[in-house]
Amino acid sequence: MQVSTISAISSPLFGLLFGLIMVNNKSSGARLLRWVPISLLLAGAGIGVHFAGFPLNKNLYSSSYVLLMAGFAGGLFSFVYLLLDVWPTAAGKWLSLPFVAYVLCVVC
């Protein structure tokens, strides 16, 4: 087993972490209060690991790449959740239509 396999396995585990936070916390404020610091921590750890000597390299799924991308993905997920679920607006509904169409195409 290669070392990059561990990094590749940890990537979906970060997604699972965000999903567990969504399931276990019923209020949107509690979810965001957990997602945002975790995202910042992961992105900061990725940058720190990069400057510590493990460069960002997607081909090898380096630890710095996985941490940084997990942080960015968590931040984007938090922003989209805030835009569509916490502050629903007409613009947010229009922005969500491609996702609805995608889910309908997958289900059908």
PDB file of N, CA and C in Angstrom:
ATOM      1  N   MET A   1       0.846  -1.171   0.000  1.00  0.00           N
ATOM      2  CA  MET A   1       0.000   0.000   0.000  1.00  0.00           C
ATOM      3  C   MET A   1       0.896   1.240   0.000  1.00  0.00           C
ATOM      4  N   GLN A   2       0.556   2.183  -0.874  1.00  0.00           N
ATOM      5  CA  GLN A   2       1.332   3.398  -0.963  1.00  0.00           C
ATOM      6  C   GLN A   2       0.868   4.402   0.087  1.00  0.00           C
ATOM      7  N   VAL A   3       1.740   5.332   0.387  1.00  0.00           N
ATOM      8  CA  VAL A   3       1.414   6.352   1.382  1.00  0.00           C
ATOM      9  C   VAL A   3       0.291   7.249   0.877  1.00  0.00           C
ATOM     10  N   SER A   4       0.233   7.487  -0.451  1.00  0.00           N
ATOM     11  CA  SER A   4      -0.813   8.345  -0.991  1.00  0.00           C
ATOM     12  C   SER A   4      -2.199   7.724  -0.839  1.00  0.00           C
ATOM     13  N   THR A   5      -2.276   6.420  -0.638  1.00  0.00           N
ATOM     14  CA  THR A   5      -3.567   5.773  -0.435  1.00  0.00           C
ATOM     15  C   THR A   5      -4.207   6.254   0.855  1.00  0.00           C
ATOM     16  N   ILE A   6      -3.419   6.472   1.879  1.00  0.00           N
ATOM     17  CA  ILE A   6      -3.951   6.964   3.156  1.00  0.00           C
ATOM     18  C   ILE A   6      -4.564   8.349   2.970  1.00  0.00           C
ATOM     19  N   SER A   7      -3.887   9.202   2.226  1.00  0.00           N
ATOM     20  CA  SER A   7      -4.431  10.539   1.956  1.00  0.00           C
ATOM     21  C   SER A   7      -5.705  10.454   1.130  1.00  0.00           C
ATOM     22  N   ALA A   8      -5.736   9.563   0.146  1.00  0.00           N
ATOM     23  CA  ALA A   8      -6.925   9.419  -0.689  1.00  0.00           C
ATOM     24  C   ALA A   8      -8.107   8.879   0.111  1.00  0.00           C
ATOM     25  N   ILE A   9      -7.850   8.031   1.078  1.00  0.00           N
ATOM     26  CA  ILE A   9      -8.923   7.502   1.922  1.00  0.00           C
ATOM     27  C   ILE A   9      -9.423   8.581   2.890  1.00  0.00           C
ATOM     28  N   SER A  10      -8.538   9.435   3.347  1.00  0.00           N
ATOM     29  CA  SER A  10      -8.950  10.455   4.320  1.00  0.00           C
ATOM     30  C   SER A  10      -9.834  11.532   3.685  1.00  0.00           C
ATOM     31  N   SER A  11      -9.742  11.715   2.381  1.00  0.00           N
ATOM     32  CA  SER A  11     -10.535  12.744   1.718  1.00  0.00           C
ATOM     33  C   SER A  11     -12.040  12.515   1.879  1.00  0.00           C
ATOM     34  N   PRO A  12     -12.577  11.334   1.583  1.00  0.00           N
ATOM     35  CA  PRO A  12     -14.023  11.147   1.823  1.00  0.00           C
ATOM     36  C   PRO A  12     -14.391  11.119   3.305  1.00  0.00           C
ATOM     37  N   LEU A  13     -13.440  10.812   4.160  1.00  0.00           N
ATOM     38  CA  LEU A  13     -13.736  10.832   5.592  1.00  0.00           C
ATOM     39  C   LEU A  13     -14.020  12.252   6.082  1.00  0.00           C
ATOM     40  N   PHE A  14     -13.375  13.241   5.469  1.00  0.00           N
ATOM     41  CA  PHE A  14     -13.689  14.627   5.818  1.00  0.00           C
ATOM     42  C   PHE A  14     -15.117  14.961   5.387  1.00  0.00           C
ATOM     43  N   GLY A  15     -15.540  14.465   4.239  1.00  0.00           N
ATOM     44  CA  GLY A  15     -16.927  14.647   3.814  1.00  0.00           C
ATOM     45  C   GLY A  15     -17.897  13.981   4.767  1.00  0.00           C
ATOM     46  N   LEU A  16     -17.530  12.802   5.249  1.00  0.00           N
ATOM     47  CA  LEU A  16     -18.354  12.110   6.232  1.00  0.00           C
ATOM     48  C   LEU A  16     -18.461  12.918   7.522  1.00  0.00           C
ATOM     49  N   LEU A  17     -17.377  13.560   7.918  1.00  0.00           N
ATOM     50  CA  LEU A  17     -17.384  14.411   9.109  1.00  0.00           C
ATOM     51  C   LEU A  17     -18.399  15.534   8.967  1.00  0.00           C
ATOM     52  N   PHE A  18     -18.408  16.182   7.808  1.00  0.00           N
ATOM     53  CA  PHE A  18     -19.355  17.272   7.588  1.00  0.00           C
ATOM     54  C   PHE A  18     -20.791  16.743   7.560  1.00  0.00           C
ATOM     55  N   GLY A  19     -20.996  15.559   6.997  1.00  0.00           N
ATOM     56  CA  GLY A  19     -22.326  14.965   6.994  1.00  0.00           C
ATOM     57  C   GLY A  19     -22.796  14.596   8.385  1.00  0.00           C
ATOM     58  N   LEU A  20     -21.905  14.077   9.206  1.00  0.00           N
ATOM     59  CA  LEU A  20     -22.278  13.744  10.583  1.00  0.00           C
ATOM     60  C   LEU A  20     -22.627  14.992  11.387  1.00  0.00           C
ATOM     61  N   ILE A  21     -21.925  16.071  11.128  1.00  0.00           N
ATOM     62  CA  ILE A  21     -22.250  17.329  11.797  1.00  0.00           C
ATOM     63  C   ILE A  21     -23.643  17.783  11.375  1.00  0.00           C
ATOM     64  N   MET A  22     -23.980  17.591  10.099  1.00  0.00           N
ATOM     65  CA  MET A  22     -25.303  17.991   9.632  1.00  0.00           C
ATOM     66  C   MET A  22     -26.402  17.149  10.280  1.00  0.00           C
ATOM     67  N   VAL A  23     -26.167  15.868  10.427  1.00  0.00           N
ATOM     68  CA  VAL A  23     -27.182  14.976  10.993  1.00  0.00           C
ATOM     69  C   VAL A  23     -27.346  15.207  12.496  1.00  0.00           C
ATOM     70  N   ASN A  24     -26.266  15.413  13.207  1.00  0.00           N
ATOM     71  CA  ASN A  24     -26.315  15.491  14.663  1.00  0.00           C
ATOM     72  C   ASN A  24     -26.677  16.865  15.213  1.00  0.00           C
ATOM     73  N   ASN A  25     -26.604  17.893  14.399  1.00  0.00           N
ATOM     74  CA  ASN A  25     -26.951  19.248  14.841  1.00  0.00           C
ATOM     75  C   ASN A  25     -28.166  19.709  14.054  1.00  0.00           C
ATOM     76  N   LYS A  26     -29.236  20.004  14.757  1.00  0.00           N
ATOM     77  CA  LYS A  26     -30.486  20.344  14.085  1.00  0.00           C
ATOM     78  C   LYS A  26     -30.588  21.820  13.716  1.00  0.00           C
ATOM     79  N   SER A  27     -29.934  22.697  14.432  1.00  0.00           N
ATOM     80  CA  SER A  27     -30.035  24.122  14.102  1.00  0.00           C
ATOM     81  C   SER A  27     -28.942  24.508  13.117  1.00  0.00           C
ATOM     82  N   SER A  28     -29.283  25.419  12.225  1.00  0.00           N
ATOM     83  CA  SER A  28     -28.323  25.844  11.207  1.00  0.00           C
ATOM     84  C   SER A  28     -27.151  26.597  11.824  1.00  0.00           C
ATOM     85  N   GLY A  29     -27.403  27.318  12.899  1.00  0.00           N
ATOM     86  CA  GLY A  29     -26.321  28.042  13.568  1.00  0.00           C
ATOM     87  C   GLY A  29     -25.288  27.102  14.158  1.00  0.00           C
ATOM     88  N   ALA A  30     -25.759  26.018  14.766  1.00  0.00           N
ATOM     89  CA  ALA A  30     -24.828  25.051  15.354  1.00  0.00           C
ATOM     90  C   ALA A  30     -24.017  24.356  14.263  1.00  0.00           C
ATOM     91  N   ARG A  31     -24.657  24.087  13.143  1.00  0.00           N
ATOM     92  CA  ARG A  31     -23.924  23.462  12.022  1.00  0.00           C
ATOM     93  C   ARG A  31     -22.824  24.382  11.520  1.00  0.00           C
ATOM     94  N   LEU A  32     -23.186  25.636  11.285  1.00  0.00           N
ATOM     95  CA  LEU A  32     -22.198  26.584  10.760  1.00  0.00           C
ATOM     96  C   LEU A  32     -21.088  26.866  11.763  1.00  0.00           C
ATOM     97  N   LEU A  33     -21.432  26.865  13.056  1.00  0.00           N
ATOM     98  CA  LEU A  33     -20.406  27.098  14.076  1.00  0.00           C
ATOM     99  C   LEU A  33     -19.407  25.949  14.163  1.00  0.00           C
ATOM    100  N   ARG A  34     -19.745  24.815  13.629  1.00  0.00           N
ATOM    101  CA  ARG A  34     -18.805  23.699  13.588  1.00  0.00           C
ATOM    102  C   ARG A  34     -18.106  23.605  12.240  1.00  0.00           C
ATOM    103  N   TRP A  35     -18.855  23.843  11.149  1.00  0.00           N
ATOM    104  CA  TRP A  35     -18.268  23.703   9.820  1.00  0.00           C
ATOM    105  C   TRP A  35     -17.194  24.749   9.528  1.00  0.00           C
ATOM    106  N   VAL A  36     -17.473  25.987   9.842  1.00  0.00           N
ATOM    107  CA  VAL A  36     -16.549  27.064   9.468  1.00  0.00           C
ATOM    108  C   VAL A  36     -15.197  26.932  10.176  1.00  0.00           C
ATOM    109  N   PRO A  37     -15.144  26.732  11.491  1.00  0.00           N
ATOM    110  CA  PRO A  37     -13.822  26.570  12.117  1.00  0.00           C
ATOM    111  C   PRO A  37     -13.072  25.326  11.629  1.00  0.00           C
ATOM    112  N   ILE A  38     -13.799  24.241  11.402  1.00  0.00           N
ATOM    113  CA  ILE A  38     -13.140  23.034  10.894  1.00  0.00           C
ATOM    114  C   ILE A  38     -12.567  23.305   9.514  1.00  0.00           C
ATOM    115  N   SER A  39     -13.326  24.011   8.665  1.00  0.00           N
ATOM    116  CA  SER A  39     -12.838  24.337   7.319  1.00  0.00           C
ATOM    117  C   SER A  39     -11.592  25.209   7.381  1.00  0.00           C
ATOM    118  N   LEU A  40     -11.627  26.212   8.233  1.00  0.00           N
ATOM    119  CA  LEU A  40     -10.459  27.094   8.372  1.00  0.00           C
ATOM    120  C   LEU A  40      -9.254  26.335   8.916  1.00  0.00           C
ATOM    121  N   LEU A  41      -9.509  25.456   9.870  1.00  0.00           N
ATOM    122  CA  LEU A  41      -8.433  24.660  10.452  1.00  0.00           C
ATOM    123  C   LEU A  41      -7.812  23.720   9.412  1.00  0.00           C
ATOM    124  N   LEU A  42      -8.651  23.073   8.619  1.00  0.00           N
ATOM    125  CA  LEU A  42      -8.141  22.159   7.590  1.00  0.00           C
ATOM    126  C   LEU A  42      -7.345  22.915   6.530  1.00  0.00           C
ATOM    127  N   ALA A  43      -7.877  24.041   6.064  1.00  0.00           N
ATOM    128  CA  ALA A  43      -7.154  24.827   5.057  1.00  0.00           C
ATOM    129  C   ALA A  43      -5.840  25.354   5.619  1.00  0.00           C
ATOM    130  N   GLY A  44      -5.872  25.839   6.856  1.00  0.00           N
ATOM    131  CA  GLY A  44      -4.638  26.313   7.484  1.00  0.00           C
ATOM    132  C   GLY A  44      -3.627  25.203   7.682  1.00  0.00           C
ATOM    133  N   ALA A  45      -4.117  24.020   8.045  1.00  0.00           N
ATOM    134  CA  ALA A  45      -3.207  22.880   8.209  1.00  0.00           C
ATOM    135  C   ALA A  45      -2.604  22.483   6.865  1.00  0.00           C
ATOM    136  N   GLY A  46      -3.411  22.548   5.807  1.00  0.00           N
ATOM    137  CA  GLY A  46      -2.886  22.225   4.477  1.00  0.00           C
ATOM    138  C   GLY A  46      -1.799  23.183   4.039  1.00  0.00           C
ATOM    139  N   ILE A  47      -2.005  24.464   4.296  1.00  0.00           N
ATOM    140  CA  ILE A  47      -0.974  25.456   3.949  1.00  0.00           C
ATOM    141  C   ILE A  47       0.261  25.254   4.818  1.00  0.00           C
ATOM    142  N   GLY A  48       0.034  24.974   6.107  1.00  0.00           N
ATOM    143  CA  GLY A  48       1.164  24.737   7.001  1.00  0.00           C
ATOM    144  C   GLY A  48       1.980  23.519   6.608  1.00  0.00           C
ATOM    145  N   VAL A  49       1.303  22.451   6.243  1.00  0.00           N
ATOM    146  CA  VAL A  49       2.004  21.237   5.821  1.00  0.00           C
ATOM    147  C   VAL A  49       2.752  21.482   4.514  1.00  0.00           C
ATOM    148  N   HIS A  50       2.156  22.307   3.634  1.00  0.00           N
ATOM    149  CA  HIS A  50       2.844  22.640   2.380  1.00  0.00           C
ATOM    150  C   HIS A  50       4.164  23.345   2.652  1.00  0.00           C
ATOM    151  N   PHE A  51       4.141  24.330   3.531  1.00  0.00           N
ATOM    152  CA  PHE A  51       5.365  25.068   3.827  1.00  0.00           C
ATOM    153  C   PHE A  51       6.310  24.303   4.740  1.00  0.00           C
ATOM    154  N   ALA A  52       5.817  23.224   5.348  1.00  0.00           N
ATOM    155  CA  ALA A  52       6.689  22.390   6.178  1.00  0.00           C
ATOM    156  C   ALA A  52       7.494  21.389   5.348  1.00  0.00           C
ATOM    157  N   GLY A  53       7.170  21.288   4.061  1.00  0.00           N
ATOM    158  CA  GLY A  53       7.980  20.424   3.218  1.00  0.00           C
ATOM    159  C   GLY A  53       7.224  19.398   2.398  1.00  0.00           C
ATOM    160  N   PHE A  54       5.903  19.340   2.520  1.00  0.00           N
ATOM    161  CA  PHE A  54       5.109  18.434   1.698  1.00  0.00           C
ATOM    162  C   PHE A  54       4.335  19.268   0.685  1.00  0.00           C
ATOM    163  N   PRO A  55       4.859  19.434  -0.531  1.00  0.00           N
ATOM    164  CA  PRO A  55       4.230  20.355  -1.483  1.00  0.00           C
ATOM    165  C   PRO A  55       2.866  19.857  -1.953  1.00  0.00           C
ATOM    166  N   LEU A  56       2.052  20.827  -2.385  1.00  0.00           N
ATOM    167  CA  LEU A  56       0.742  20.501  -2.943  1.00  0.00           C
ATOM    168  C   LEU A  56       0.948  19.748  -4.258  1.00  0.00           C
ATOM    169  N   ASN A  57       0.419  18.563  -4.353  1.00  0.00           N
ATOM    170  CA  ASN A  57       0.574  17.760  -5.553  1.00  0.00           C
ATOM    171  C   ASN A  57      -0.626  16.829  -5.662  1.00  0.00           C
ATOM    172  N   LYS A  58      -1.530  17.129  -6.601  1.00  0.00           N
ATOM    173  CA  LYS A  58      -2.739  16.316  -6.727  1.00  0.00           C
ATOM    174  C   LYS A  58      -2.409  14.917  -7.228  1.00  0.00           C
ATOM    175  N   ASN A  59      -1.418  14.780  -8.079  1.00  0.00           N
ATOM    176  CA  ASN A  59      -1.099  13.469  -8.649  1.00  0.00           C
ATOM    177  C   ASN A  59      -0.732  12.455  -7.572  1.00  0.00           C
ATOM    178  N   LEU A  60      -0.110  12.918  -6.515  1.00  0.00           N
ATOM    179  CA  LEU A  60       0.297  12.010  -5.439  1.00  0.00           C
ATOM    180  C   LEU A  60      -0.675  12.027  -4.263  1.00  0.00           C
ATOM    181  N   TYR A  61      -1.716  12.852  -4.352  1.00  0.00           N
ATOM    182  CA  TYR A  61      -2.639  13.032  -3.230  1.00  0.00           C
ATOM    183  C   TYR A  61      -1.858  13.276  -1.942  1.00  0.00           C
ATOM    184  N   SER A  62      -1.033  14.302  -1.990  1.00  0.00           N
ATOM    185  CA  SER A  62      -0.224  14.622  -0.819  1.00  0.00           C
ATOM    186  C   SER A  62      -1.123  15.077   0.328  1.00  0.00           C
ATOM    187  N   SER A  63      -0.608  14.981   1.528  1.00  0.00           N
ATOM    188  CA  SER A  63      -1.396  15.349   2.703  1.00  0.00           C
ATOM    189  C   SER A  63      -1.759  16.829   2.679  1.00  0.00           C
ATOM    190  N   SER A  64      -0.867  17.667   2.179  1.00  0.00           N
ATOM    191  CA  SER A  64      -1.171  19.094   2.112  1.00  0.00           C
ATOM    192  C   SER A  64      -2.313  19.358   1.129  1.00  0.00           C
ATOM    193  N   TYR A  65      -2.333  18.647   0.012  1.00  0.00           N
ATOM    194  CA  TYR A  65      -3.406  18.803  -0.974  1.00  0.00           C
ATOM    195  C   TYR A  65      -4.749  18.377  -0.380  1.00  0.00           C
ATOM    196  N   VAL A  66      -4.781  17.242   0.271  1.00  0.00           N
ATOM    197  CA  VAL A  66      -6.034  16.733   0.828  1.00  0.00           C
ATOM    198  C   VAL A  66      -6.561  17.672   1.912  1.00  0.00           C
ATOM    199  N   LEU A  67      -5.700  18.156   2.780  1.00  0.00           N
ATOM    200  CA  LEU A  67      -6.135  19.063   3.841  1.00  0.00           C
ATOM    201  C   LEU A  67      -6.641  20.386   3.276  1.00  0.00           C
ATOM    202  N   LEU A  68      -5.903  20.940   2.326  1.00  0.00           N
ATOM    203  CA  LEU A  68      -6.301  22.221   1.748  1.00  0.00           C
ATOM    204  C   LEU A  68      -7.618  22.094   0.993  1.00  0.00           C
ATOM    205  N   MET A  69      -7.778  21.057   0.190  1.00  0.00           N
ATOM    206  CA  MET A  69      -9.009  20.883  -0.571  1.00  0.00           C
ATOM    207  C   MET A  69     -10.193  20.558   0.333  1.00  0.00           C
ATOM    208  N   ALA A  70      -9.969  19.829   1.415  1.00  0.00           N
ATOM    209  CA  ALA A  70     -11.047  19.566   2.376  1.00  0.00           C
ATOM    210  C   ALA A  70     -11.487  20.870   3.037  1.00  0.00           C
ATOM    211  N   GLY A  71     -10.537  21.735   3.344  1.00  0.00           N
ATOM    212  CA  GLY A  71     -10.872  23.036   3.918  1.00  0.00           C
ATOM    213  C   GLY A  71     -11.635  23.908   2.943  1.00  0.00           C
ATOM    214  N   PHE A  72     -11.193  23.959   1.685  1.00  0.00           N
ATOM    215  CA  PHE A  72     -11.903  24.742   0.675  1.00  0.00           C
ATOM    216  C   PHE A  72     -13.294  24.178   0.417  1.00  0.00           C
ATOM    217  N   ALA A  73     -13.410  22.856   0.327  1.00  0.00           N
ATOM    218  CA  ALA A  73     -14.706  22.232   0.082  1.00  0.00           C
ATOM    219  C   ALA A  73     -15.659  22.490   1.254  1.00  0.00           C
ATOM    220  N   GLY A  74     -15.152  22.419   2.476  1.00  0.00           N
ATOM    221  CA  GLY A  74     -15.984  22.704   3.636  1.00  0.00           C
ATOM    222  C   GLY A  74     -16.433  24.158   3.670  1.00  0.00           C
ATOM    223  N   GLY A  75     -15.534  25.051   3.300  1.00  0.00           N
ATOM    224  CA  GLY A  75     -15.904  26.469   3.247  1.00  0.00           C
ATOM    225  C   GLY A  75     -16.944  26.749   2.180  1.00  0.00           C
ATOM    226  N   LEU A  76     -16.785  26.143   1.007  1.00  0.00           N
ATOM    227  CA  LEU A  76     -17.766  26.315  -0.055  1.00  0.00           C
ATOM    228  C   LEU A  76     -19.102  25.691   0.330  1.00  0.00           C
ATOM    229  N   PHE A  77     -19.048  24.526   0.957  1.00  0.00           N
ATOM    230  CA  PHE A  77     -20.269  23.869   1.423  1.00  0.00           C
ATOM    231  C   PHE A  77     -20.997  24.740   2.439  1.00  0.00           C
ATOM    232  N   SER A  78     -20.254  25.343   3.360  1.00  0.00           N
ATOM    233  CA  SER A  78     -20.860  26.226   4.363  1.00  0.00           C
ATOM    234  C   SER A  78     -21.492  27.442   3.705  1.00  0.00           C
ATOM    235  N   PHE A  79     -20.817  28.005   2.716  1.00  0.00           N
ATOM    236  CA  PHE A  79     -21.341  29.177   2.018  1.00  0.00           C
ATOM    237  C   PHE A  79     -22.618  28.839   1.255  1.00  0.00           C
ATOM    238  N   VAL A  80     -22.628  27.732   0.544  1.00  0.00           N
ATOM    239  CA  VAL A  80     -23.819  27.335  -0.212  1.00  0.00           C
ATOM    240  C   VAL A  80     -24.967  27.008   0.733  1.00  0.00           C
ATOM    241  N   TYR A  81     -24.670  26.349   1.846  1.00  0.00           N
ATOM    242  CA  TYR A  81     -25.704  26.068   2.850  1.00  0.00           C
ATOM    243  C   TYR A  81     -26.278  27.366   3.391  1.00  0.00           C
ATOM    244  N   LEU A  82     -25.420  28.321   3.683  1.00  0.00           N
ATOM    245  CA  LEU A  82     -25.873  29.614   4.186  1.00  0.00           C
ATOM    246  C   LEU A  82     -26.737  30.324   3.156  1.00  0.00           C
ATOM    247  N   LEU A  83     -26.324  30.273   1.904  1.00  0.00           N
ATOM    248  CA  LEU A  83     -27.036  30.970   0.834  1.00  0.00           C
ATOM    249  C   LEU A  83     -28.384  30.327   0.538  1.00  0.00           C
ATOM    250  N   LEU A  84     -28.451  29.004   0.516  1.00  0.00           N
ATOM    251  CA  LEU A  84     -29.672  28.331   0.085  1.00  0.00           C
ATOM    252  C   LEU A  84     -30.612  27.955   1.220  1.00  0.00           C
ATOM    253  N   ASP A  85     -30.095  27.613   2.393  1.00  0.00           N
ATOM    254  CA  ASP A  85     -30.953  27.134   3.473  1.00  0.00           C
ATOM    255  C   ASP A  85     -31.170  28.152   4.582  1.00  0.00           C
ATOM    256  N   VAL A  86     -30.158  28.911   4.909  1.00  0.00           N
ATOM    257  CA  VAL A  86     -30.295  29.855   6.021  1.00  0.00           C
ATOM    258  C   VAL A  86     -30.909  31.167   5.544  1.00  0.00           C
ATOM    259  N   TRP A  87     -30.421  31.704   4.429  1.00  0.00           N
ATOM    260  CA  TRP A  87     -30.953  32.939   3.861  1.00  0.00           C
ATOM    261  C   TRP A  87     -31.575  32.657   2.498  1.00  0.00           C
ATOM    262  N   PRO A  88     -32.694  31.955   2.447  1.00  0.00           N
ATOM    263  CA  PRO A  88     -33.268  31.640   1.133  1.00  0.00           C
ATOM    264  C   PRO A  88     -33.804  32.904   0.450  1.00  0.00           C
ATOM    265  N   THR A  89     -33.353  33.122  -0.746  1.00  0.00           N
ATOM    266  CA  THR A  89     -33.798  34.262  -1.541  1.00  0.00           C
ATOM    267  C   THR A  89     -34.190  33.761  -2.918  1.00  0.00           C
ATOM    268  N   ALA A  90     -34.739  34.645  -3.725  1.00  0.00           N
ATOM    269  CA  ALA A  90     -35.089  34.265  -5.096  1.00  0.00           C
ATOM    270  C   ALA A  90     -33.822  33.919  -5.881  1.00  0.00           C
ATOM    271  N   ALA A  91     -32.740  34.652  -5.644  1.00  0.00           N
ATOM    272  CA  ALA A  91     -31.482  34.360  -6.347  1.00  0.00           C
ATOM    273  C   ALA A  91     -30.948  32.995  -5.938  1.00  0.00           C
ATOM    274  N   GLY A  92     -31.094  32.652  -4.653  1.00  0.00           N
ATOM    275  CA  GLY A  92     -30.648  31.343  -4.187  1.00  0.00           C
ATOM    276  C   GLY A  92     -31.425  30.217  -4.832  1.00  0.00           C
ATOM    277  N   LYS A  93     -32.727  30.428  -5.030  1.00  0.00           N
ATOM    278  CA  LYS A  93     -33.536  29.408  -5.691  1.00  0.00           C
ATOM    279  C   LYS A  93     -33.083  29.208  -7.128  1.00  0.00           C
ATOM    280  N   TRP A  94     -32.752  30.272  -7.811  1.00  0.00           N
ATOM    281  CA  TRP A  94     -32.266  30.148  -9.186  1.00  0.00           C
ATOM    282  C   TRP A  94     -30.907  29.462  -9.229  1.00  0.00           C
ATOM    283  N   LEU A  95     -30.074  29.737  -8.230  1.00  0.00           N
ATOM    284  CA  LEU A  95     -28.758  29.100  -8.188  1.00  0.00           C
ATOM    285  C   LEU A  95     -28.847  27.605  -7.917  1.00  0.00           C
ATOM    286  N   SER A  96     -29.912  27.174  -7.250  1.00  0.00           N
ATOM    287  CA  SER A  96     -30.038  25.756  -6.922  1.00  0.00           C
ATOM    288  C   SER A  96     -30.657  24.930  -8.042  1.00  0.00           C
ATOM    289  N   LEU A  97     -31.198  25.547  -9.060  1.00  0.00           N
ATOM    290  CA  LEU A  97     -31.855  24.794 -10.140  1.00  0.00           C
ATOM    291  C   LEU A  97     -30.938  23.794 -10.850  1.00  0.00           C
ATOM    292  N   PRO A  98     -29.667  24.114 -11.132  1.00  0.00           N
ATOM    293  CA  PRO A  98     -28.812  23.091 -11.762  1.00  0.00           C
ATOM    294  C   PRO A  98     -28.638  21.850 -10.898  1.00  0.00           C
ATOM    295  N   PHE A  99     -28.590  22.013  -9.579  1.00  0.00           N
ATOM    296  CA  PHE A  99     -28.455  20.868  -8.693  1.00  0.00           C
ATOM    297  C   PHE A  99     -29.722  20.013  -8.684  1.00  0.00           C
ATOM    298  N   VAL A 100     -30.870  20.686  -8.720  1.00  0.00           N
ATOM    299  CA  VAL A 100     -32.140  19.964  -8.772  1.00  0.00           C
ATOM    300  C   VAL A 100     -32.232  19.180 -10.075  1.00  0.00           C
ATOM    301  N   ALA A 101     -31.852  19.813 -11.175  1.00  0.00           N
ATOM    302  CA  ALA A 101     -31.890  19.116 -12.469  1.00  0.00           C
ATOM    303  C   ALA A 101     -30.934  17.932 -12.475  1.00  0.00           C
ATOM    304  N   TYR A 102     -29.781  18.087 -11.871  1.00  0.00           N
ATOM    305  CA  TYR A 102     -28.821  16.981 -11.811  1.00  0.00           C
ATOM    306  C   TYR A 102     -29.385  15.815 -11.020  1.00  0.00           C
ATOM    307  N   VAL A 103     -29.992  16.098  -9.880  1.00  0.00           N
ATOM    308  CA  VAL A 103     -30.557  15.026  -9.047  1.00  0.00           C
ATOM    309  C   VAL A 103     -31.697  14.344  -9.789  1.00  0.00           C
ATOM    310  N   LEU A 104     -32.525  15.097 -10.474  1.00  0.00           N
ATOM    311  CA  LEU A 104     -33.617  14.497 -11.239  1.00  0.00           C
ATOM    312  C   LEU A 104     -33.091  13.617 -12.359  1.00  0.00           C
ATOM    313  N   CYS A 105     -32.003  14.041 -13.001  1.00  0.00           N
ATOM    314  CA  CYS A 105     -31.420  13.215 -14.073  1.00  0.00           C
ATOM    315  C   CYS A 105     -30.808  11.946 -13.531  1.00  0.00           C
ATOM    316  N   VAL A 106     -30.213  11.993 -12.359  1.00  0.00           N
ATOM    317  CA  VAL A 106     -29.597  10.817 -11.762  1.00  0.00           C
ATOM    318  C   VAL A 106     -30.663   9.835 -11.318  1.00  0.00           C
ATOM    319  N   VAL A 107     -31.749  10.352 -10.742  1.00  0.00           N
ATOM    320  CA  VAL A 107     -32.806   9.475 -10.229  1.00  0.00           C
ATOM    321  C   VAL A 107     -33.564   8.809 -11.378  1.00  0.00           C
ATOM    322  N   CYS A 108     -33.805   9.551 -12.439  1.00  0.00           N
ATOM    323  CA  CYS A 108     -34.598   9.007 -13.559  1.00  0.00           C
ATOM    324  C   CYS A 108     -33.857   8.039 -14.399  1.00  0.00           C
TER     325      CYS A 108
END
